Amino acid sequence: KCEAVNTFSIRNEQFRASSSGPIAAYPDDPRKSA
């Protein structure tokens, strides 16, 4: 699938990110979700 769309991936295992608190349903700003 990646070759078909001419893309590739590289994984960085050291990266982490965590939510600073609960994420409300249907947040009013996309910056508050994914």
Full PDB file with SEQRES, HELIX, SHEET, SSBOND, CRYST1, ORIGX, SCALE, CONECT and MASTER records, all heavy atoms in Angstrom:
SEQRES   1 A   34  LYS CYS GLU ALA VAL ASN THR PHE SER ILE ARG ASN GLU          
SEQRES   2 A   34  GLN PHE ARG ALA SER SER SER GLY PRO ILE ALA ALA TYR          
SEQRES   3 A   34  PRO ASP ASP PRO ARG LYS SER ALA                              
HELIX    1 AA1 GLU A    3  VAL A    5  5                                   3    
HELIX    2 AA2 PRO A   30  LYS A   32  5                                   3    
CRYST1    1.000    1.000    1.000  90.00  90.00  90.00 P 1           1          
ORIGX1      1.000000  0.000000  0.000000        0.00000                         
ORIGX2      0.000000  1.000000  0.000000        0.00000                         
ORIGX3      0.000000  0.000000  1.000000        0.00000                         
SCALE1      1.000000  0.000000  0.000000        0.00000                         
SCALE2      0.000000  1.000000  0.000000        0.00000                         
SCALE3      0.000000  0.000000  1.000000        0.00000                         
ATOM      1  N   LYS A   1       0.824  -1.204   0.000  1.00  0.00           N  
ATOM      2  CA  LYS A   1       0.000   0.000   0.000  1.00  0.00           C  
ATOM      3  C   LYS A   1       0.861   1.259   0.000  1.00  0.00           C  
ATOM      4  O   LYS A   1       0.537   2.256  -0.661  1.00  0.00           O  
ATOM      5  CB  LYS A   1      -0.941  -0.003   1.198  1.00  0.00           C  
ATOM      6  CG  LYS A   1      -2.052  -1.045   1.096  1.00  0.00           C  
ATOM      7  CD  LYS A   1      -3.002  -0.965   2.287  1.00  0.00           C  
ATOM      8  CE  LYS A   1      -4.137  -1.972   2.133  1.00  0.00           C  
ATOM      9  NZ  LYS A   1      -5.078  -1.921   3.277  1.00  0.00           N  
ATOM     10  N   CYS A   2       1.946   1.252   0.740  1.00  0.00           N  
ATOM     11  CA  CYS A   2       2.830   2.416   0.770  1.00  0.00           C  
ATOM     12  C   CYS A   2       3.532   2.605  -0.571  1.00  0.00           C  
ATOM     13  O   CYS A   2       3.641   3.724  -1.069  1.00  0.00           O  
ATOM     14  CB  CYS A   2       3.851   2.280   1.898  1.00  0.00           C  
ATOM     15  SG  CYS A   2       3.121   2.443   3.562  1.00  0.00           S  
ATOM     16  N   GLU A   3       3.995   1.529  -1.150  1.00  0.00           N  
ATOM     17  CA  GLU A   3       4.651   1.623  -2.451  1.00  0.00           C  
ATOM     18  C   GLU A   3       3.683   2.115  -3.511  1.00  0.00           C  
ATOM     19  O   GLU A   3       4.062   2.868  -4.412  1.00  0.00           O  
ATOM     20  CB  GLU A   3       5.228   0.262  -2.847  1.00  0.00           C  
ATOM     21  CG  GLU A   3       6.419  -0.169  -2.000  1.00  0.00           C  
ATOM     22  CD  GLU A   3       6.888  -1.570  -2.319  1.00  0.00           C  
ATOM     23  OE1 GLU A   3       6.374  -2.136  -3.318  1.00  0.00           O  
ATOM     24  OE2 GLU A   3       7.743  -2.102  -1.590  1.00  0.00           O  
ATOM     25  N   ALA A   4       2.420   1.725  -3.398  1.00  0.00           N  
ATOM     26  CA  ALA A   4       1.431   2.116  -4.401  1.00  0.00           C  
ATOM     27  C   ALA A   4       1.204   3.618  -4.422  1.00  0.00           C  
ATOM     28  O   ALA A   4       0.848   4.186  -5.465  1.00  0.00           O  
ATOM     29  CB  ALA A   4       0.113   1.396  -4.145  1.00  0.00           C  
ATOM     30  N   VAL A   5       1.403   4.277  -3.293  1.00  0.00           N  
ATOM     31  CA  VAL A   5       1.212   5.736  -3.231  1.00  0.00           C  
ATOM     32  C   VAL A   5       2.543   6.458  -3.041  1.00  0.00           C  
ATOM     33  O   VAL A   5       2.581   7.633  -2.678  1.00  0.00           O  
ATOM     34  CB  VAL A   5       0.214   6.113  -2.107  1.00  0.00           C  
ATOM     35  CG1 VAL A   5      -1.176   5.631  -2.447  1.00  0.00           C  
ATOM     36  CG2 VAL A   5       0.666   5.550  -0.760  1.00  0.00           C  
ATOM     37  N   ASN A   6       3.643   5.735  -3.282  1.00  0.00           N  
ATOM     38  CA  ASN A   6       4.988   6.325  -3.293  1.00  0.00           C  
ATOM     39  C   ASN A   6       5.322   7.020  -1.974  1.00  0.00           C  
ATOM     40  O   ASN A   6       5.753   8.179  -1.936  1.00  0.00           O  
ATOM     41  CB  ASN A   6       5.133   7.320  -4.452  1.00  0.00           C  
ATOM     42  CG  ASN A   6       6.575   7.708  -4.705  1.00  0.00           C  
ATOM     43  OD1 ASN A   6       7.492   6.914  -4.469  1.00  0.00           O  
ATOM     44  ND2 ASN A   6       6.800   8.929  -5.174  1.00  0.00           N  
ATOM     45  N   THR A   7       5.136   6.304  -0.888  1.00  0.00           N  
ATOM     46  CA  THR A   7       5.485   6.855   0.414  1.00  0.00           C  
ATOM     47  C   THR A   7       6.230   5.801   1.218  1.00  0.00           C  
ATOM     48  O   THR A   7       6.303   4.633   0.833  1.00  0.00           O  
ATOM     49  CB  THR A   7       4.238   7.335   1.168  1.00  0.00           C  
ATOM     50  OG1 THR A   7       4.646   8.127   2.294  1.00  0.00           O  
ATOM     51  CG2 THR A   7       3.392   6.174   1.662  1.00  0.00           C  
ATOM     52  N   PHE A   8       6.798   6.213   2.346  1.00  0.00           N  
ATOM     53  CA  PHE A   8       7.533   5.301   3.219  1.00  0.00           C  
ATOM     54  C   PHE A   8       7.454   5.844   4.637  1.00  0.00           C  
ATOM     55  O   PHE A   8       7.125   7.021   4.859  1.00  0.00           O  
ATOM     56  CB  PHE A   8       8.996   5.151   2.784  1.00  0.00           C  
ATOM     57  CG  PHE A   8       9.788   6.421   2.907  1.00  0.00           C  
ATOM     58  CD1 PHE A   8      10.535   6.696   4.048  1.00  0.00           C  
ATOM     59  CD2 PHE A   8       9.800   7.349   1.872  1.00  0.00           C  
ATOM     60  CE1 PHE A   8      11.254   7.871   4.163  1.00  0.00           C  
ATOM     61  CE2 PHE A   8      10.528   8.520   1.974  1.00  0.00           C  
ATOM     62  CZ  PHE A   8      11.261   8.786   3.124  1.00  0.00           C  
ATOM     63  N   SER A   9       7.748   5.000   5.598  1.00  0.00           N  
ATOM     64  CA  SER A   9       7.711   5.429   6.994  1.00  0.00           C  
ATOM     65  C   SER A   9       9.008   5.089   7.699  1.00  0.00           C  
ATOM     66  O   SER A   9       9.683   4.115   7.365  1.00  0.00           O  
ATOM     67  CB  SER A   9       6.535   4.769   7.737  1.00  0.00           C  
ATOM     68  OG  SER A   9       6.727   3.360   7.833  1.00  0.00           O  
ATOM     69  N   ILE A  10       9.344   5.917   8.687  1.00  0.00           N  
ATOM     70  CA  ILE A  10      10.477   5.691   9.573  1.00  0.00           C  
ATOM     71  C   ILE A  10       9.964   5.883  10.997  1.00  0.00           C  
ATOM     72  O   ILE A  10       9.298   6.881  11.296  1.00  0.00           O  
ATOM     73  CB  ILE A  10      11.632   6.665   9.281  1.00  0.00           C  
ATOM     74  CG1 ILE A  10      12.154   6.435   7.855  1.00  0.00           C  
ATOM     75  CG2 ILE A  10      12.758   6.489  10.299  1.00  0.00           C  
ATOM     76  CD1 ILE A  10      13.134   7.474   7.394  1.00  0.00           C  
ATOM     77  N   ARG A  11      10.249   4.948  11.869  1.00  0.00           N  
ATOM     78  CA  ARG A  11       9.724   4.995  13.233  1.00  0.00           C  
ATOM     79  C   ARG A  11      10.790   5.512  14.197  1.00  0.00           C  
ATOM     80  O   ARG A  11      11.928   5.044  14.196  1.00  0.00           O  
ATOM     81  CB  ARG A  11       9.264   3.607  13.666  1.00  0.00           C  
ATOM     82  CG  ARG A  11       8.757   3.546  15.104  1.00  0.00           C  
ATOM     83  CD  ARG A  11       8.205   2.179  15.431  1.00  0.00           C  
ATOM     84  NE  ARG A  11       7.017   1.883  14.634  1.00  0.00           N  
ATOM     85  CZ  ARG A  11       6.330   0.753  14.731  1.00  0.00           C  
ATOM     86  NH1 ARG A  11       6.709  -0.200  15.580  1.00  0.00           N  
ATOM     87  NH2 ARG A  11       5.266   0.563  13.972  1.00  0.00           N  
ATOM     88  N   ASN A  12      10.398   6.481  15.025  1.00  0.00           N  
ATOM     89  CA  ASN A  12      11.228   6.928  16.132  1.00  0.00           C  
ATOM     90  C   ASN A  12      10.646   6.358  17.420  1.00  0.00           C  
ATOM     91  O   ASN A  12       9.555   6.744  17.843  1.00  0.00           O  
ATOM     92  CB  ASN A  12      11.265   8.460  16.195  1.00  0.00           C  
ATOM     93  CG  ASN A  12      12.173   8.963  17.300  1.00  0.00           C  
ATOM     94  OD1 ASN A  12      11.832   8.883  18.471  1.00  0.00           O  
ATOM     95  ND2 ASN A  12      13.326   9.499  16.923  1.00  0.00           N  
ATOM     96  N   GLU A  13      11.382   5.427  18.006  1.00  0.00           N  
ATOM     97  CA  GLU A  13      10.887   4.725  19.187  1.00  0.00           C  
ATOM     98  C   GLU A  13      10.964   5.562  20.452  1.00  0.00           C  
ATOM     99  O   GLU A  13      10.308   5.254  21.454  1.00  0.00           O  
ATOM    100  CB  GLU A  13      11.684   3.429  19.386  1.00  0.00           C  
ATOM    101  CG  GLU A  13      11.582   2.445  18.232  1.00  0.00           C  
ATOM    102  CD  GLU A  13      10.313   1.613  18.298  1.00  0.00           C  
ATOM    103  OE1 GLU A  13       9.473   1.885  19.185  1.00  0.00           O  
ATOM    104  OE2 GLU A  13      10.158   0.700  17.464  1.00  0.00           O  
ATOM    105  N   GLN A  14      11.780   6.633  20.439  1.00  0.00           N  
ATOM    106  CA  GLN A  14      11.964   7.426  21.650  1.00  0.00           C  
ATOM    107  C   GLN A  14      10.831   8.426  21.892  1.00  0.00           C  
ATOM    108  O   GLN A  14      10.666   8.936  22.993  1.00  0.00           O  
ATOM    109  CB  GLN A  14      13.292   8.190  21.600  1.00  0.00           C  
ATOM    110  CG  GLN A  14      14.523   7.332  21.877  1.00  0.00           C  
ATOM    111  CD  GLN A  14      14.801   6.343  20.759  1.00  0.00           C  
ATOM    112  OE1 GLN A  14      14.786   6.711  19.596  1.00  0.00           O  
ATOM    113  NE2 GLN A  14      15.026   5.092  21.118  1.00  0.00           N  
ATOM    114  N   PHE A  15      10.074   8.716  20.855  1.00  0.00           N  
ATOM    115  CA  PHE A  15       9.029   9.733  20.982  1.00  0.00           C  
ATOM    116  C   PHE A  15       7.904   9.247  21.895  1.00  0.00           C  
ATOM    117  O   PHE A  15       7.450   8.118  21.815  1.00  0.00           O  
ATOM    118  CB  PHE A  15       8.458  10.074  19.604  1.00  0.00           C  
ATOM    119  CG  PHE A  15       7.328  11.064  19.647  1.00  0.00           C  
ATOM    120  CD1 PHE A  15       7.587  12.420  19.644  1.00  0.00           C  
ATOM    121  CD2 PHE A  15       6.013  10.631  19.694  1.00  0.00           C  
ATOM    122  CE1 PHE A  15       6.540  13.341  19.687  1.00  0.00           C  
ATOM    123  CE2 PHE A  15       4.966  11.538  19.730  1.00  0.00           C  
ATOM    124  CZ  PHE A  15       5.230  12.897  19.732  1.00  0.00           C  
ATOM    125  N   ARG A  16       7.451  10.156  22.753  1.00  0.00           N  
ATOM    126  CA  ARG A  16       6.274   9.936  23.570  1.00  0.00           C  
ATOM    127  C   ARG A  16       5.498  11.250  23.661  1.00  0.00           C  
ATOM    128  O   ARG A  16       6.093  12.338  23.636  1.00  0.00           O  
ATOM    129  CB  ARG A  16       6.646   9.507  25.003  1.00  0.00           C  
ATOM    130  CG  ARG A  16       7.414   8.205  25.111  1.00  0.00           C  
ATOM    131  CD  ARG A  16       6.523   7.003  24.810  1.00  0.00           C  
ATOM    132  NE  ARG A  16       7.219   5.757  25.060  1.00  0.00           N  
ATOM    133  CZ  ARG A  16       8.016   5.140  24.194  1.00  0.00           C  
ATOM    134  NH1 ARG A  16       8.226   5.677  23.006  1.00  0.00           N  
ATOM    135  NH2 ARG A  16       8.609   4.007  24.503  1.00  0.00           N  
ATOM    136  N   ALA A  17       4.200  11.153  23.747  1.00  0.00           N  
ATOM    137  CA  ALA A  17       3.363  12.316  24.040  1.00  0.00           C  
ATOM    138  C   ALA A  17       2.183  11.842  24.872  1.00  0.00           C  
ATOM    139  O   ALA A  17       1.637  10.755  24.634  1.00  0.00           O  
ATOM    140  CB  ALA A  17       2.881  12.995  22.762  1.00  0.00           C  
ATOM    141  N   SER A  18       1.797  12.648  25.837  1.00  0.00           N  
ATOM    142  CA  SER A  18       0.723  12.263  26.747  1.00  0.00           C  
ATOM    143  C   SER A  18      -0.260  13.411  26.896  1.00  0.00           C  
ATOM    144  O   SER A  18       0.121  14.586  26.855  1.00  0.00           O  
ATOM    145  CB  SER A  18       1.291  11.898  28.127  1.00  0.00           C  
ATOM    146  OG  SER A  18       2.216  10.835  28.031  1.00  0.00           O  
ATOM    147  N   SER A  19      -1.515  13.047  27.094  1.00  0.00           N  
ATOM    148  CA  SER A  19      -2.540  14.076  27.297  1.00  0.00           C  
ATOM    149  C   SER A  19      -2.335  14.739  28.656  1.00  0.00           C  
ATOM    150  O   SER A  19      -1.994  14.084  29.644  1.00  0.00           O  
ATOM    151  CB  SER A  19      -3.931  13.469  27.190  1.00  0.00           C  
ATOM    152  OG  SER A  19      -4.085  12.396  28.110  1.00  0.00           O  
ATOM    153  N   SER A  20      -2.544  16.039  28.668  1.00  0.00           N  
ATOM    154  CA  SER A  20      -2.367  16.796  29.910  1.00  0.00           C  
ATOM    155  C   SER A  20      -3.556  16.661  30.846  1.00  0.00           C  
ATOM    156  O   SER A  20      -3.504  17.121  31.992  1.00  0.00           O  
ATOM    157  CB  SER A  20      -2.132  18.269  29.578  1.00  0.00           C  
ATOM    158  OG  SER A  20      -3.227  18.784  28.825  1.00  0.00           O  
ATOM    159  N   GLY A  21      -4.627  16.038  30.368  1.00  0.00           N  
ATOM    160  CA  GLY A  21      -5.829  15.830  31.179  1.00  0.00           C  
ATOM    161  C   GLY A  21      -6.872  15.114  30.361  1.00  0.00           C  
ATOM    162  O   GLY A  21      -6.637  14.731  29.200  1.00  0.00           O  
ATOM    163  N   PRO A  22      -8.033  14.899  30.890  1.00  0.00           N  
ATOM    164  CA  PRO A  22      -9.114  14.234  30.138  1.00  0.00           C  
ATOM    165  C   PRO A  22      -9.491  15.036  28.893  1.00  0.00           C  
ATOM    166  O   PRO A  22      -9.389  16.262  28.878  1.00  0.00           O  
ATOM    167  CB  PRO A  22     -10.265  14.202  31.146  1.00  0.00           C  
ATOM    168  CG  PRO A  22      -9.617  14.338  32.487  1.00  0.00           C  
ATOM    169  CD  PRO A  22      -8.425  15.213  32.277  1.00  0.00           C  
ATOM    170  N   ILE A  23      -9.928  14.338  27.866  1.00  0.00           N  
ATOM    171  CA  ILE A  23     -10.357  14.961  26.612  1.00  0.00           C  
ATOM    172  C   ILE A  23     -11.875  14.838  26.538  1.00  0.00           C  
ATOM    173  O   ILE A  23     -12.414  13.720  26.462  1.00  0.00           O  
ATOM    174  CB  ILE A  23      -9.689  14.287  25.401  1.00  0.00           C  
ATOM    175  CG1 ILE A  23      -8.165  14.314  25.552  1.00  0.00           C  
ATOM    176  CG2 ILE A  23     -10.120  14.972  24.106  1.00  0.00           C  
ATOM    177  CD1 ILE A  23      -7.429  13.521  24.488  1.00  0.00           C  
ATOM    178  N   ALA A  24     -12.547  15.962  26.551  1.00  0.00           N  
ATOM    179  CA  ALA A  24     -14.008  15.940  26.533  1.00  0.00           C  
ATOM    180  C   ALA A  24     -14.526  15.475  25.180  1.00  0.00           C  
ATOM    181  O   ALA A  24     -13.870  15.638  24.144  1.00  0.00           O  
ATOM    182  CB  ALA A  24     -14.542  17.342  26.846  1.00  0.00           C  
ATOM    183  N   ALA A  25     -15.727  14.883  25.178  1.00  0.00           N  
ATOM    184  CA  ALA A  25     -16.358  14.482  23.918  1.00  0.00           C  
ATOM    185  C   ALA A  25     -16.680  15.720  23.087  1.00  0.00           C  
ATOM    186  O   ALA A  25     -17.039  16.773  23.625  1.00  0.00           O  
ATOM    187  CB  ALA A  25     -17.631  13.696  24.199  1.00  0.00           C  
ATOM    188  N   TYR A  26     -16.500  15.590  21.804  1.00  0.00           N  
ATOM    189  CA  TYR A  26     -16.751  16.683  20.856  1.00  0.00           C  
ATOM    190  C   TYR A  26     -16.144  18.005  21.348  1.00  0.00           C  
ATOM    191  O   TYR A  26     -16.861  18.989  21.581  1.00  0.00           O  
ATOM    192  CB  TYR A  26     -18.257  16.869  20.610  1.00  0.00           C  
ATOM    193  CG  TYR A  26     -18.904  15.706  19.928  1.00  0.00           C  
ATOM    194  CD1 TYR A  26     -19.668  14.802  20.664  1.00  0.00           C  
ATOM    195  CD2 TYR A  26     -18.745  15.496  18.566  1.00  0.00           C  
ATOM    196  CE1 TYR A  26     -20.263  13.715  20.051  1.00  0.00           C  
ATOM    197  CE2 TYR A  26     -19.346  14.413  17.938  1.00  0.00           C  
ATOM    198  CZ  TYR A  26     -20.093  13.525  18.672  1.00  0.00           C  
ATOM    199  OH  TYR A  26     -20.686  12.448  18.062  1.00  0.00           O  
ATOM    200  N   PRO A  27     -14.823  18.053  21.514  1.00  0.00           N  
ATOM    201  CA  PRO A  27     -14.212  19.298  21.994  1.00  0.00           C  
ATOM    202  C   PRO A  27     -14.484  20.439  21.031  1.00  0.00           C  
ATOM    203  O   PRO A  27     -14.648  20.234  19.820  1.00  0.00           O  
ATOM    204  CB  PRO A  27     -12.722  18.949  22.067  1.00  0.00           C  
ATOM    205  CG  PRO A  27     -12.544  17.797  21.147  1.00  0.00           C  
ATOM    206  CD  PRO A  27     -13.823  17.021  21.208  1.00  0.00           C  
ATOM    207  N   ASP A  28     -14.531  21.665  21.587  1.00  0.00           N  
ATOM    208  CA  ASP A  28     -14.878  22.826  20.768  1.00  0.00           C  
ATOM    209  C   ASP A  28     -13.731  23.317  19.899  1.00  0.00           C  
ATOM    210  O   ASP A  28     -13.901  24.229  19.097  1.00  0.00           O  
ATOM    211  CB  ASP A  28     -15.370  23.974  21.662  1.00  0.00           C  
ATOM    212  CG  ASP A  28     -14.344  24.368  22.725  1.00  0.00           C  
ATOM    213  OD1 ASP A  28     -13.222  23.794  22.710  1.00  0.00           O  
ATOM    214  OD2 ASP A  28     -14.666  25.225  23.578  1.00  0.00           O  
ATOM    215  N   ASP A  29     -12.552  22.732  20.049  1.00  0.00           N  
ATOM    216  CA  ASP A  29     -11.376  23.130  19.275  1.00  0.00           C  
ATOM    217  C   ASP A  29     -10.625  21.860  18.905  1.00  0.00           C  
ATOM    218  O   ASP A  29     -10.337  21.024  19.784  1.00  0.00           O  
ATOM    219  CB  ASP A  29     -10.479  24.050  20.117  1.00  0.00           C  
ATOM    220  CG  ASP A  29      -9.312  24.635  19.327  1.00  0.00           C  
ATOM    221  OD1 ASP A  29      -8.885  24.015  18.321  1.00  0.00           O  
ATOM    222  OD2 ASP A  29      -8.806  25.701  19.716  1.00  0.00           O  
ATOM    223  N   PRO A  30     -10.297  21.655  17.618  1.00  0.00           N  
ATOM    224  CA  PRO A  30      -9.566  20.426  17.236  1.00  0.00           C  
ATOM    225  C   PRO A  30      -8.228  20.289  17.942  1.00  0.00           C  
ATOM    226  O   PRO A  30      -7.708  19.164  18.044  1.00  0.00           O  
ATOM    227  CB  PRO A  30      -9.395  20.575  15.710  1.00  0.00           C  
ATOM    228  CG  PRO A  30      -9.611  22.017  15.424  1.00  0.00           C  
ATOM    229  CD  PRO A  30     -10.584  22.501  16.453  1.00  0.00           C  
ATOM    230  N   ARG A  31      -7.665  21.384  18.432  1.00  0.00           N  
ATOM    231  CA  ARG A  31      -6.379  21.311  19.130  1.00  0.00           C  
ATOM    232  C   ARG A  31      -6.511  20.577  20.460  1.00  0.00           C  
ATOM    233  O   ARG A  31      -5.495  20.227  21.073  1.00  0.00           O  
ATOM    234  CB  ARG A  31      -5.822  22.710  19.372  1.00  0.00           C  
ATOM    235  CG  ARG A  31      -5.491  23.482  18.085  1.00  0.00           C  
ATOM    236  CD  ARG A  31      -4.832  24.827  18.430  1.00  0.00           C  
ATOM    237  NE  ARG A  31      -3.605  24.644  19.181  1.00  0.00           N  
ATOM    238  CZ  ARG A  31      -2.410  24.379  18.653  1.00  0.00           C  
ATOM    239  NH1 ARG A  31      -2.294  24.260  17.312  1.00  0.00           N  
ATOM    240  NH2 ARG A  31      -1.349  24.226  19.408  1.00  0.00           N  
ATOM    241  N   LYS A  32      -7.756  20.337  20.918  1.00  0.00           N  
ATOM    242  CA  LYS A  32      -7.970  19.658  22.191  1.00  0.00           C  
ATOM    243  C   LYS A  32      -8.137  18.160  22.030  1.00  0.00           C  
ATOM    244  O   LYS A  32      -8.352  17.449  23.023  1.00  0.00           O  
ATOM    245  CB  LYS A  32      -9.199  20.254  22.886  1.00  0.00           C  
ATOM    246  CG  LYS A  32      -9.042  21.723  23.263  1.00  0.00           C  
ATOM    247  CD  LYS A  32     -10.297  22.257  23.913  1.00  0.00           C  
ATOM    248  CE  LYS A  32     -10.153  23.741  24.275  1.00  0.00           C  
ATOM    249  NZ  LYS A  32     -11.402  24.279  24.894  1.00  0.00           N  
ATOM    250  N   SER A  33      -8.059  17.656  20.794  1.00  0.00           N  
ATOM    251  CA  SER A  33      -8.189  16.222  20.554  1.00  0.00           C  
ATOM    252  C   SER A  33      -6.928  15.736  19.829  1.00  0.00           C  
ATOM    253  O   SER A  33      -5.828  16.187  20.136  1.00  0.00           O  
ATOM    254  CB  SER A  33      -9.457  15.948  19.753  1.00  0.00           C  
ATOM    255  OG  SER A  33      -9.706  14.567  19.682  1.00  0.00           O  
ATOM    256  N   ALA A  34      -7.080  14.819  18.877  1.00  0.00           N  
ATOM    257  CA  ALA A  34      -5.925  14.291  18.124  1.00  0.00           C  
ATOM    258  C   ALA A  34      -5.608  15.249  16.984  1.00  0.00           C  
ATOM    259  O   ALA A  34      -6.356  15.334  15.999  1.00  0.00           O  
ATOM    260  CB  ALA A  34      -6.230  12.899  17.597  1.00  0.00           C  
TER     261      ALA A  34                                                      
MASTER        0    0    0    2    0    0    0    6  260    1    0    3          
END                                                                             
